């Protein structure tokens, strides 16, 4: 079961990465597959078709998918901590 969490900023970032991925398939200096995979990764919580494609990627490269998802969780925790520190900084003033 896929749980969709709509977010305009994630959709914009995901579609931008997908566009760069398509360009990267044609242009020799861009890594097209990398941008396509990152775009699908970001959109996996936004669209059902992206979640299905991410499932295929997870079946194909389970070790790498686990690392990418762990990095995303770590980044989320770091950003939450940074936001909390900034809130504390401005609430003291």
PDB file of N, CA and C in Angstrom:
ATOM      1  N   UNK A   1       0.833  -1.177   0.000  1.00  0.00           N
ATOM      2  CA  UNK A   1       0.000   0.000   0.000  1.00  0.00           C
ATOM      3  C   UNK A   1       0.880   1.243   0.000  1.00  0.00           C
ATOM      4  N   UNK A   2       0.567   2.161  -0.874  1.00  0.00           N
ATOM      5  CA  UNK A   2       1.334   3.385  -1.016  1.00  0.00           C
ATOM      6  C   UNK A   2       0.610   4.509  -0.287  1.00  0.00           C
ATOM      7  N   UNK A   3       1.337   5.211   0.574  1.00  0.00           N
ATOM      8  CA  UNK A   3       0.779   6.364   1.269  1.00  0.00           C
ATOM      9  C   UNK A   3       1.327   7.608   0.585  1.00  0.00           C
ATOM     10  N   UNK A   4       0.431   8.381  -0.032  1.00  0.00           N
ATOM     11  CA  UNK A   4       0.847   9.585  -0.736  1.00  0.00           C
ATOM     12  C   UNK A   4       0.875  10.762   0.231  1.00  0.00           C
ATOM     13  N   UNK A   5       1.975  11.498   0.188  1.00  0.00           N
ATOM     14  CA  UNK A   5       2.127  12.704   0.996  1.00  0.00           C
ATOM     15  C   UNK A   5       2.402  13.867   0.049  1.00  0.00           C
ATOM     16  N   UNK A   6       1.350  14.533  -0.443  1.00  0.00           N
ATOM     17  CA  UNK A   6       1.556  15.581  -1.447  1.00  0.00           C
ATOM     18  C   UNK A   6       2.335  16.779  -0.906  1.00  0.00           C
ATOM     19  N   UNK A   7       3.254  17.238  -1.703  1.00  0.00           N
ATOM     20  CA  UNK A   7       4.067  18.402  -1.363  1.00  0.00           C
ATOM     21  C   UNK A   7       4.477  19.077  -2.669  1.00  0.00           C
ATOM     22  N   UNK A   8       4.124  20.345  -2.809  1.00  0.00           N
ATOM     23  CA  UNK A   8       4.417  21.070  -4.034  1.00  0.00           C
ATOM     24  C   UNK A   8       5.921  21.194  -4.270  1.00  0.00           C
ATOM     25  N   UNK A   9       6.691  21.440  -3.226  1.00  0.00           N
ATOM     26  CA  UNK A   9       8.137  21.599  -3.402  1.00  0.00           C
ATOM     27  C   UNK A   9       8.798  20.274  -3.827  1.00  0.00           C
ATOM     28  N   UNK A  10       8.337  19.140  -3.261  1.00  0.00           N
ATOM     29  CA  UNK A  10       8.894  17.841  -3.670  1.00  0.00           C
ATOM     30  C   UNK A  10       8.512  17.515  -5.110  1.00  0.00           C
ATOM     31  N   UNK A  11       7.280  17.855  -5.500  1.00  0.00           N
ATOM     32  CA  UNK A  11       6.862  17.619  -6.886  1.00  0.00           C
ATOM     33  C   UNK A  11       7.706  18.437  -7.853  1.00  0.00           C
ATOM     34  N   UNK A  12       7.926  19.698  -7.522  1.00  0.00           N
ATOM     35  CA  UNK A  12       8.730  20.564  -8.388  1.00  0.00           C
ATOM     36  C   UNK A  12      10.162  20.039  -8.504  1.00  0.00           C
ATOM     37  N   UNK A  13      10.749  19.647  -7.389  1.00  0.00           N
ATOM     38  CA  UNK A  13      12.122  19.117  -7.412  1.00  0.00           C
ATOM     39  C   UNK A  13      12.183  17.809  -8.188  1.00  0.00           C
ATOM     40  N   UNK A  14      11.216  16.932  -7.975  1.00  0.00           N
ATOM     41  CA  UNK A  14      11.202  15.647  -8.671  1.00  0.00           C
ATOM     42  C   UNK A  14      11.047  15.792 -10.169  1.00  0.00           C
ATOM     43  N   UNK A  15      10.115  16.637 -10.590  1.00  0.00           N
ATOM     44  CA  UNK A  15       9.908  16.827 -12.028  1.00  0.00           C
ATOM     45  C   UNK A  15      11.114  17.521 -12.665  1.00  0.00           C
ATOM     46  N   UNK A  16      11.771  18.416 -11.935  1.00  0.00           N
ATOM     47  CA  UNK A  16      12.987  19.056 -12.458  1.00  0.00           C
ATOM     48  C   UNK A  16      14.083  18.012 -12.663  1.00  0.00           C
ATOM     49  N   UNK A  17      14.249  17.116 -11.690  1.00  0.00           N
ATOM     50  CA  UNK A  17      15.265  16.069 -11.825  1.00  0.00           C
ATOM     51  C   UNK A  17      14.925  15.116 -12.972  1.00  0.00           C
ATOM     52  N   UNK A  18      13.641  14.816 -13.153  1.00  0.00           N
ATOM     53  CA  UNK A  18      13.258  13.965 -14.284  1.00  0.00           C
ATOM     54  C   UNK A  18      13.568  14.641 -15.614  1.00  0.00           C
ATOM     55  N   UNK A  19      13.319  15.949 -15.711  1.00  0.00           N
ATOM     56  CA  UNK A  19      13.641  16.679 -16.942  1.00  0.00           C
ATOM     57  C   UNK A  19      15.144  16.673 -17.192  1.00  0.00           C
ATOM     58  N   UNK A  20      15.938  16.874 -16.132  1.00  0.00           N
ATOM     59  CA  UNK A  20      17.391  16.804 -16.279  1.00  0.00           C
ATOM     60  C   UNK A  20      17.831  15.398 -16.686  1.00  0.00           C
ATOM     61  N   UNK A  21      17.133  14.387 -16.177  1.00  0.00           N
ATOM     62  CA  UNK A  21      17.454  13.013 -16.547  1.00  0.00           C
ATOM     63  C   UNK A  21      17.208  12.743 -18.011  1.00  0.00           C
ATOM     64  N   UNK A  22      16.110  13.253 -18.542  1.00  0.00           N
ATOM     65  CA  UNK A  22      15.832  13.078 -19.972  1.00  0.00           C
ATOM     66  C   UNK A  22      16.891  13.793 -20.795  1.00  0.00           C
ATOM     67  N   UNK A  23      17.267  15.008 -20.375  1.00  0.00           N
ATOM     68  CA  UNK A  23      18.350  15.711 -21.065  1.00  0.00           C
ATOM     69  C   UNK A  23      19.657  14.939 -20.958  1.00  0.00           C
ATOM     70  N   UNK A  24      19.882  14.346 -19.803  1.00  0.00           N
ATOM     71  CA  UNK A  24      21.109  13.589 -19.593  1.00  0.00           C
ATOM     72  C   UNK A  24      21.203  12.336 -20.445  1.00  0.00           C
ATOM     73  N   UNK A  25      20.070  11.805 -20.860  1.00  0.00           N
ATOM     74  CA  UNK A  25      20.105  10.651 -21.758  1.00  0.00           C
ATOM     75  C   UNK A  25      20.606  11.043 -23.144  1.00  0.00           C
ATOM     76  N   UNK A  26      20.456  12.335 -23.489  1.00  0.00           N
ATOM     77  CA  UNK A  26      20.865  12.815 -24.811  1.00  0.00           C
ATOM     78  C   UNK A  26      22.236  13.487 -24.763  1.00  0.00           C
ATOM     79  N   UNK A  27      22.450  14.293 -23.737  1.00  0.00           N
ATOM     80  CA  UNK A  27      23.703  15.041 -23.631  1.00  0.00           C
ATOM     81  C   UNK A  27      24.778  14.187 -22.958  1.00  0.00           C
ATOM     82  N   UNK A  28      25.992  14.208 -23.484  1.00  0.00           N
ATOM     83  CA  UNK A  28      27.033  13.328 -22.951  1.00  0.00           C
ATOM     84  C   UNK A  28      27.609  13.759 -21.599  1.00  0.00           C
ATOM     85  N   UNK A  29      27.407  15.001 -21.174  1.00  0.00           N
ATOM     86  CA  UNK A  29      28.036  15.462 -19.930  1.00  0.00           C
ATOM     87  C   UNK A  29      27.122  15.377 -18.716  1.00  0.00           C
ATOM     88  N   UNK A  30      25.866  14.970 -18.887  1.00  0.00           N
ATOM     89  CA  UNK A  30      24.957  14.772 -17.757  1.00  0.00           C
ATOM     90  C   UNK A  30      24.743  13.285 -17.535  1.00  0.00           C
ATOM     91  N   UNK A  31      24.632  12.879 -16.290  1.00  0.00           N
ATOM     92  CA  UNK A  31      24.353  11.493 -15.954  1.00  0.00           C
ATOM     93  C   UNK A  31      22.831  11.302 -15.923  1.00  0.00           C
ATOM     94  N   UNK A  32      22.269  10.917 -17.050  1.00  0.00           N
ATOM     95  CA  UNK A  32      20.824  10.823 -17.186  1.00  0.00           C
ATOM     96  C   UNK A  32      20.177   9.854 -16.221  1.00  0.00           C
ATOM     97  N   UNK A  33      20.743   8.658 -16.094  1.00  0.00           N
ATOM     98  CA  UNK A  33      20.137   7.653 -15.227  1.00  0.00           C
ATOM     99  C   UNK A  33      20.119   8.109 -13.779  1.00  0.00           C
ATOM    100  N   UNK A  34      21.168   8.778 -13.338  1.00  0.00           N
ATOM    101  CA  UNK A  34      21.239   9.261 -11.966  1.00  0.00           C
ATOM    102  C   UNK A  34      20.118  10.260 -11.684  1.00  0.00           C
ATOM    103  N   UNK A  35      19.921  11.224 -12.588  1.00  0.00           N
ATOM    104  CA  UNK A  35      18.864  12.213 -12.397  1.00  0.00           C
ATOM    105  C   UNK A  35      17.481  11.576 -12.474  1.00  0.00           C
ATOM    106  N   UNK A  36      17.300  10.608 -13.355  1.00  0.00           N
ATOM    107  CA  UNK A  36      16.016   9.910 -13.438  1.00  0.00           C
ATOM    108  C   UNK A  36      15.726   9.161 -12.136  1.00  0.00           C
ATOM    109  N   UNK A  37      16.729   8.461 -11.611  1.00  0.00           N
ATOM    110  CA  UNK A  37      16.539   7.707 -10.376  1.00  0.00           C
ATOM    111  C   UNK A  37      16.242   8.640  -9.206  1.00  0.00           C
ATOM    112  N   UNK A  38      16.949   9.757  -9.110  1.00  0.00           N
ATOM    113  CA  UNK A  38      16.688  10.713  -8.030  1.00  0.00           C
ATOM    114  C   UNK A  38      15.304  11.336  -8.164  1.00  0.00           C
ATOM    115  N   UNK A  39      14.893  11.632  -9.397  1.00  0.00           N
ATOM    116  CA  UNK A  39      13.563  12.183  -9.610  1.00  0.00           C
ATOM    117  C   UNK A  39      12.474  11.221  -9.181  1.00  0.00           C
ATOM    118  N   UNK A  40      12.618   9.950  -9.526  1.00  0.00           N
ATOM    119  CA  UNK A  40      11.635   8.944  -9.122  1.00  0.00           C
ATOM    120  C   UNK A  40      11.673   8.763  -7.607  1.00  0.00           C
ATOM    121  N   UNK A  41      12.862   8.834  -7.018  1.00  0.00           N
ATOM    122  CA  UNK A  41      12.982   8.711  -5.561  1.00  0.00           C
ATOM    123  C   UNK A  41      12.202   9.824  -4.857  1.00  0.00           C
ATOM    124  N   UNK A  42      12.345  11.035  -5.332  1.00  0.00           N
ATOM    125  CA  UNK A  42      11.651  12.157  -4.706  1.00  0.00           C
ATOM    126  C   UNK A  42      10.147  12.074  -4.936  1.00  0.00           C
ATOM    127  N   UNK A  43       9.740  11.611  -6.114  1.00  0.00           N
ATOM    128  CA  UNK A  43       8.313  11.555  -6.446  1.00  0.00           C
ATOM    129  C   UNK A  43       7.617  10.300  -5.926  1.00  0.00           C
ATOM    130  N   UNK A  44       8.326   9.381  -5.289  1.00  0.00           N
ATOM    131  CA  UNK A  44       7.718   8.116  -4.865  1.00  0.00           C
ATOM    132  C   UNK A  44       6.600   8.306  -3.857  1.00  0.00           C
ATOM    133  N   UNK A  45       6.627   9.387  -3.084  1.00  0.00           N
ATOM    134  CA  UNK A  45       5.561   9.683  -2.128  1.00  0.00           C
ATOM    135  C   UNK A  45       4.503  10.614  -2.712  1.00  0.00           C
ATOM    136  N   UNK A  46       4.685  11.016  -3.975  1.00  0.00           N
ATOM    137  CA  UNK A  46       3.785  11.978  -4.591  1.00  0.00           C
ATOM    138  C   UNK A  46       2.832  11.336  -5.612  1.00  0.00           C
ATOM    139  N   UNK A  47       3.319  10.323  -6.314  1.00  0.00           N
ATOM    140  CA  UNK A  47       2.544   9.695  -7.391  1.00  0.00           C
ATOM    141  C   UNK A  47       2.644   8.179  -7.277  1.00  0.00           C
ATOM    142  N   UNK A  48       1.562   7.492  -7.608  1.00  0.00           N
ATOM    143  CA  UNK A  48       1.546   6.025  -7.530  1.00  0.00           C
ATOM    144  C   UNK A  48       2.497   5.416  -8.550  1.00  0.00           C
ATOM    145  N   UNK A  49       2.543   5.984  -9.770  1.00  0.00           N
ATOM    146  CA  UNK A  49       3.429   5.421 -10.793  1.00  0.00           C
ATOM    147  C   UNK A  49       4.895   5.505 -10.345  1.00  0.00           C
ATOM    148  N   UNK A  50       5.272   6.565  -9.632  1.00  0.00           N
ATOM    149  CA  UNK A  50       6.658   6.698  -9.151  1.00  0.00           C
ATOM    150  C   UNK A  50       6.942   5.680  -8.050  1.00  0.00           C
ATOM    151  N   UNK A  51       5.956   5.409  -7.219  1.00  0.00           N
ATOM    152  CA  UNK A  51       6.134   4.404  -6.165  1.00  0.00           C
ATOM    153  C   UNK A  51       6.326   3.025  -6.780  1.00  0.00           C
ATOM    154  N   UNK A  52       5.613   2.736  -7.859  1.00  0.00           N
ATOM    155  CA  UNK A  52       5.774   1.452  -8.537  1.00  0.00           C
ATOM    156  C   UNK A  52       7.159   1.346  -9.170  1.00  0.00           C
ATOM    157  N   UNK A  53       7.631   2.429  -9.794  1.00  0.00           N
ATOM    158  CA  UNK A  53       8.976   2.408 -10.402  1.00  0.00           C
ATOM    159  C   UNK A  53      10.044   2.282  -9.322  1.00  0.00           C
ATOM    160  N   UNK A  54       9.824   2.955  -8.183  1.00  0.00           N
ATOM    161  CA  UNK A  54      10.793   2.858  -7.089  1.00  0.00           C
ATOM    162  C   UNK A  54      10.817   1.438  -6.539  1.00  0.00           C
ATOM    163  N   UNK A  55       9.673   0.763  -6.544  1.00  0.00           N
ATOM    164  CA  UNK A  55       9.633  -0.642  -6.137  1.00  0.00           C
ATOM    165  C   UNK A  55      10.492  -1.503  -7.043  1.00  0.00           C
ATOM    166  N   UNK A  56      10.474  -1.211  -8.341  1.00  0.00           N
ATOM    167  CA  UNK A  56      11.323  -1.954  -9.285  1.00  0.00           C
ATOM    168  C   UNK A  56      12.797  -1.699  -8.973  1.00  0.00           C
ATOM    169  N   UNK A  57      13.143  -0.443  -8.716  1.00  0.00           N
ATOM    170  CA  UNK A  57      14.528  -0.098  -8.382  1.00  0.00           C
ATOM    171  C   UNK A  57      14.939  -0.802  -7.088  1.00  0.00           C
ATOM    172  N   UNK A  58      14.037  -0.837  -6.107  1.00  0.00           N
ATOM    173  CA  UNK A  58      14.337  -1.482  -4.821  1.00  0.00           C
ATOM    174  C   UNK A  58      14.533  -2.987  -4.996  1.00  0.00           C
ATOM    175  N   UNK A  59      13.789  -3.597  -5.894  1.00  0.00           N
ATOM    176  CA  UNK A  59      13.987  -5.024  -6.163  1.00  0.00           C
ATOM    177  C   UNK A  59      15.305  -5.271  -6.874  1.00  0.00           C
ATOM    178  N   UNK A  60      15.681  -4.357  -7.737  1.00  0.00           N
ATOM    179  CA  UNK A  60      16.897  -4.526  -8.540  1.00  0.00           C
ATOM    180  C   UNK A  60      18.170  -4.257  -7.734  1.00  0.00           C
ATOM    181  N   UNK A  61      18.171  -3.191  -6.933  1.00  0.00           N
ATOM    182  CA  UNK A  61      19.344  -2.796  -6.154  1.00  0.00           C
ATOM    183  C   UNK A  61      18.963  -2.559  -4.697  1.00  0.00           C
ATOM    184  N   UNK A  62      18.625  -3.603  -3.946  1.00  0.00           N
ATOM    185  CA  UNK A  62      18.122  -3.397  -2.574  1.00  0.00           C
ATOM    186  C   UNK A  62      19.149  -2.769  -1.632  1.00  0.00           C
ATOM    187  N   UNK A  63      20.413  -3.103  -1.792  1.00  0.00           N
ATOM    188  CA  UNK A  63      21.442  -2.567  -0.896  1.00  0.00           C
ATOM    189  C   UNK A  63      21.579  -1.050  -1.076  1.00  0.00           C
ATOM    190  N   UNK A  64      21.578  -0.599  -2.311  1.00  0.00           N
ATOM    191  CA  UNK A  64      21.739   0.821  -2.590  1.00  0.00           C
ATOM    192  C   UNK A  64      20.499   1.621  -2.182  1.00  0.00           C
ATOM    193  N   UNK A  65      19.329   1.037  -2.381  1.00  0.00           N
ATOM    194  CA  UNK A  65      18.088   1.721  -2.010  1.00  0.00           C
ATOM    195  C   UNK A  65      18.052   1.934  -0.501  1.00  0.00           C
ATOM    196  N   UNK A  66      18.477   0.953   0.252  1.00  0.00           N
ATOM    197  CA  UNK A  66      18.527   1.110   1.705  1.00  0.00           C
ATOM    198  C   UNK A  66      19.439   2.243   2.126  1.00  0.00           C
ATOM    199  N   UNK A  67      20.581   2.372   1.463  1.00  0.00           N
ATOM    200  CA  UNK A  67      21.503   3.463   1.780  1.00  0.00           C
ATOM    201  C   UNK A  67      20.897   4.824   1.454  1.00  0.00           C
ATOM    202  N   UNK A  68      20.239   4.920   0.305  1.00  0.00           N
ATOM    203  CA  UNK A  68      19.640   6.195  -0.097  1.00  0.00           C
ATOM    204  C   UNK A  68      18.526   6.584   0.869  1.00  0.00           C
ATOM    205  N   UNK A  69      17.694   5.632   1.260  1.00  0.00           N
ATOM    206  CA  UNK A  69      16.610   5.934   2.193  1.00  0.00           C
ATOM    207  C   UNK A  69      17.154   6.289   3.576  1.00  0.00           C
ATOM    208  N   UNK A  70      18.245   5.661   3.993  1.00  0.00           N
ATOM    209  CA  UNK A  70      18.872   6.011   5.270  1.00  0.00           C
ATOM    210  C   UNK A  70      19.454   7.425   5.212  1.00  0.00           C
ATOM    211  N   UNK A  71      20.041   7.794   4.084  1.00  0.00           N
ATOM    212  CA  UNK A  71      20.564   9.155   3.941  1.00  0.00           C
ATOM    213  C   UNK A  71      19.438  10.180   3.981  1.00  0.00           C
ATOM    214  N   UNK A  72      18.287   9.856   3.362  1.00  0.00           N
ATOM    215  CA  UNK A  72      17.160  10.774   3.397  1.00  0.00           C
ATOM    216  C   UNK A  72      16.654  10.959   4.831  1.00  0.00           C
ATOM    217  N   UNK A  73      16.562   9.875   5.588  1.00  0.00           N
ATOM    218  CA  UNK A  73      16.114   9.957   6.978  1.00  0.00           C
ATOM    219  C   UNK A  73      17.105  10.772   7.816  1.00  0.00           C
ATOM    220  N   UNK A  74      18.385  10.562   7.590  1.00  0.00           N
ATOM    221  CA  UNK A  74      19.410  11.309   8.321  1.00  0.00           C
ATOM    222  C   UNK A  74      19.327  12.797   7.997  1.00  0.00           C
ATOM    223  N   UNK A  75      19.148  13.125   6.730  1.00  0.00           N
ATOM    224  CA  UNK A  75      19.030  14.520   6.330  1.00  0.00           C
ATOM    225  C   UNK A  75      17.791  15.153   6.950  1.00  0.00           C
ATOM    226  N   UNK A  76      16.694  14.419   7.003  1.00  0.00           N
ATOM    227  CA  UNK A  76      15.486  14.937   7.632  1.00  0.00           C
ATOM    228  C   UNK A  76      15.694  15.234   9.109  1.00  0.00           C
ATOM    229  N   UNK A  77      16.396  14.338   9.812  1.00  0.00           N
ATOM    230  CA  UNK A  77      16.682  14.577  11.231  1.00  0.00           C
ATOM    231  C   UNK A  77      17.594  15.784  11.413  1.00  0.00           C
ATOM    232  N   UNK A  78      18.594  15.913  10.556  1.00  0.00           N
ATOM    233  CA  UNK A  78      19.509  17.054  10.664  1.00  0.00           C
ATOM    234  C   UNK A  78      18.795  18.364  10.402  1.00  0.00           C
ATOM    235  N   UNK A  79      17.936  18.389   9.395  1.00  0.00           N
ATOM    236  CA  UNK A  79      17.195  19.611   9.095  1.00  0.00           C
ATOM    237  C   UNK A  79      16.236  19.966  10.220  1.00  0.00           C
ATOM    238  N   UNK A  80      15.587  18.964  10.797  1.00  0.00           N
ATOM    239  CA  UNK A  80      14.681  19.220  11.918  1.00  0.00           C
ATOM    240  C   UNK A  80      15.458  19.790  13.105  1.00  0.00           C
ATOM    241  N   UNK A  81      16.640  19.262  13.361  1.00  0.00           N
ATOM    242  CA  UNK A  81      17.474  19.785  14.444  1.00  0.00           C
ATOM    243  C   UNK A  81      17.927  21.213  14.177  1.00  0.00           C
ATOM    244  N   UNK A  82      18.283  21.501  12.932  1.00  0.00           N
ATOM    245  CA  UNK A  82      18.716  22.849  12.588  1.00  0.00           C
ATOM    246  C   UNK A  82      17.566  23.837  12.724  1.00  0.00           C
ATOM    247  N   UNK A  83      16.382  23.449  12.296  1.00  0.00           N
ATOM    248  CA  UNK A  83      15.216  24.322  12.429  1.00  0.00           C
ATOM    249  C   UNK A  83      14.922  24.579  13.903  1.00  0.00           C
ATOM    250  N   UNK A  84      15.032  23.566  14.727  1.00  0.00           N
ATOM    251  CA  UNK A  84      14.782  23.735  16.159  1.00  0.00           C
ATOM    252  C   UNK A  84      15.815  24.669  16.790  1.00  0.00           C
ATOM    253  N   UNK A  85      17.080  24.547  16.395  1.00  0.00           N
ATOM    254  CA  UNK A  85      18.114  25.446  16.924  1.00  0.00           C
ATOM    255  C   UNK A  85      17.855  26.889  16.500  1.00  0.00           C
ATOM    256  N   UNK A  86      17.416  27.084  15.285  1.00  0.00           N
ATOM    257  CA  UNK A  86      17.114  28.445  14.810  1.00  0.00           C
ATOM    258  C   UNK A  86      15.916  29.001  15.560  1.00  0.00           C
ATOM    259  N   UNK A  87      14.894  28.186  15.806  1.00  0.00           N
ATOM    260  CA  UNK A  87      13.735  28.652  16.568  1.00  0.00           C
ATOM    261  C   UNK A  87      14.139  29.057  17.986  1.00  0.00           C
ATOM    262  N   UNK A  88      14.987  28.254  18.623  1.00  0.00           N
ATOM    263  CA  UNK A  88      15.443  28.577  19.975  1.00  0.00           C
ATOM    264  C   UNK A  88      16.251  29.871  19.978  1.00  0.00           C
ATOM    265  N   UNK A  89      17.054  30.059  18.935  1.00  0.00           N
ATOM    266  CA  UNK A  89      17.885  31.256  18.842  1.00  0.00           C
ATOM    267  C   UNK A  89      17.021  32.510  18.784  1.00  0.00           C
ATOM    268  N   UNK A  90      15.966  32.469  17.981  1.00  0.00           N
ATOM    269  CA  UNK A  90      15.111  33.647  17.833  1.00  0.00           C
ATOM    270  C   UNK A  90      14.082  33.780  18.942  1.00  0.00           C
ATOM    271  N   UNK A  91      13.767  32.722  19.644  1.00  0.00           N
ATOM    272  CA  UNK A  91      12.793  32.847  20.725  1.00  0.00           C
ATOM    273  C   UNK A  91      13.399  33.452  21.980  1.00  0.00           C
ATOM    274  N   UNK A  92      14.700  33.383  22.125  1.00  0.00           N
ATOM    275  CA  UNK A  92      15.380  33.984  23.282  1.00  0.00           C
ATOM    276  C   UNK A  92      15.423  35.494  23.188  1.00  0.00           C
ATOM    277  N   UNK A  93      15.421  36.008  21.975  1.00  0.00           N
ATOM    278  CA  UNK A  93      15.593  37.460  21.775  1.00  0.00           C
ATOM    279  C   UNK A  93      14.428  38.278  22.181  1.00  0.00           C
TER     280      UNK A  93
END
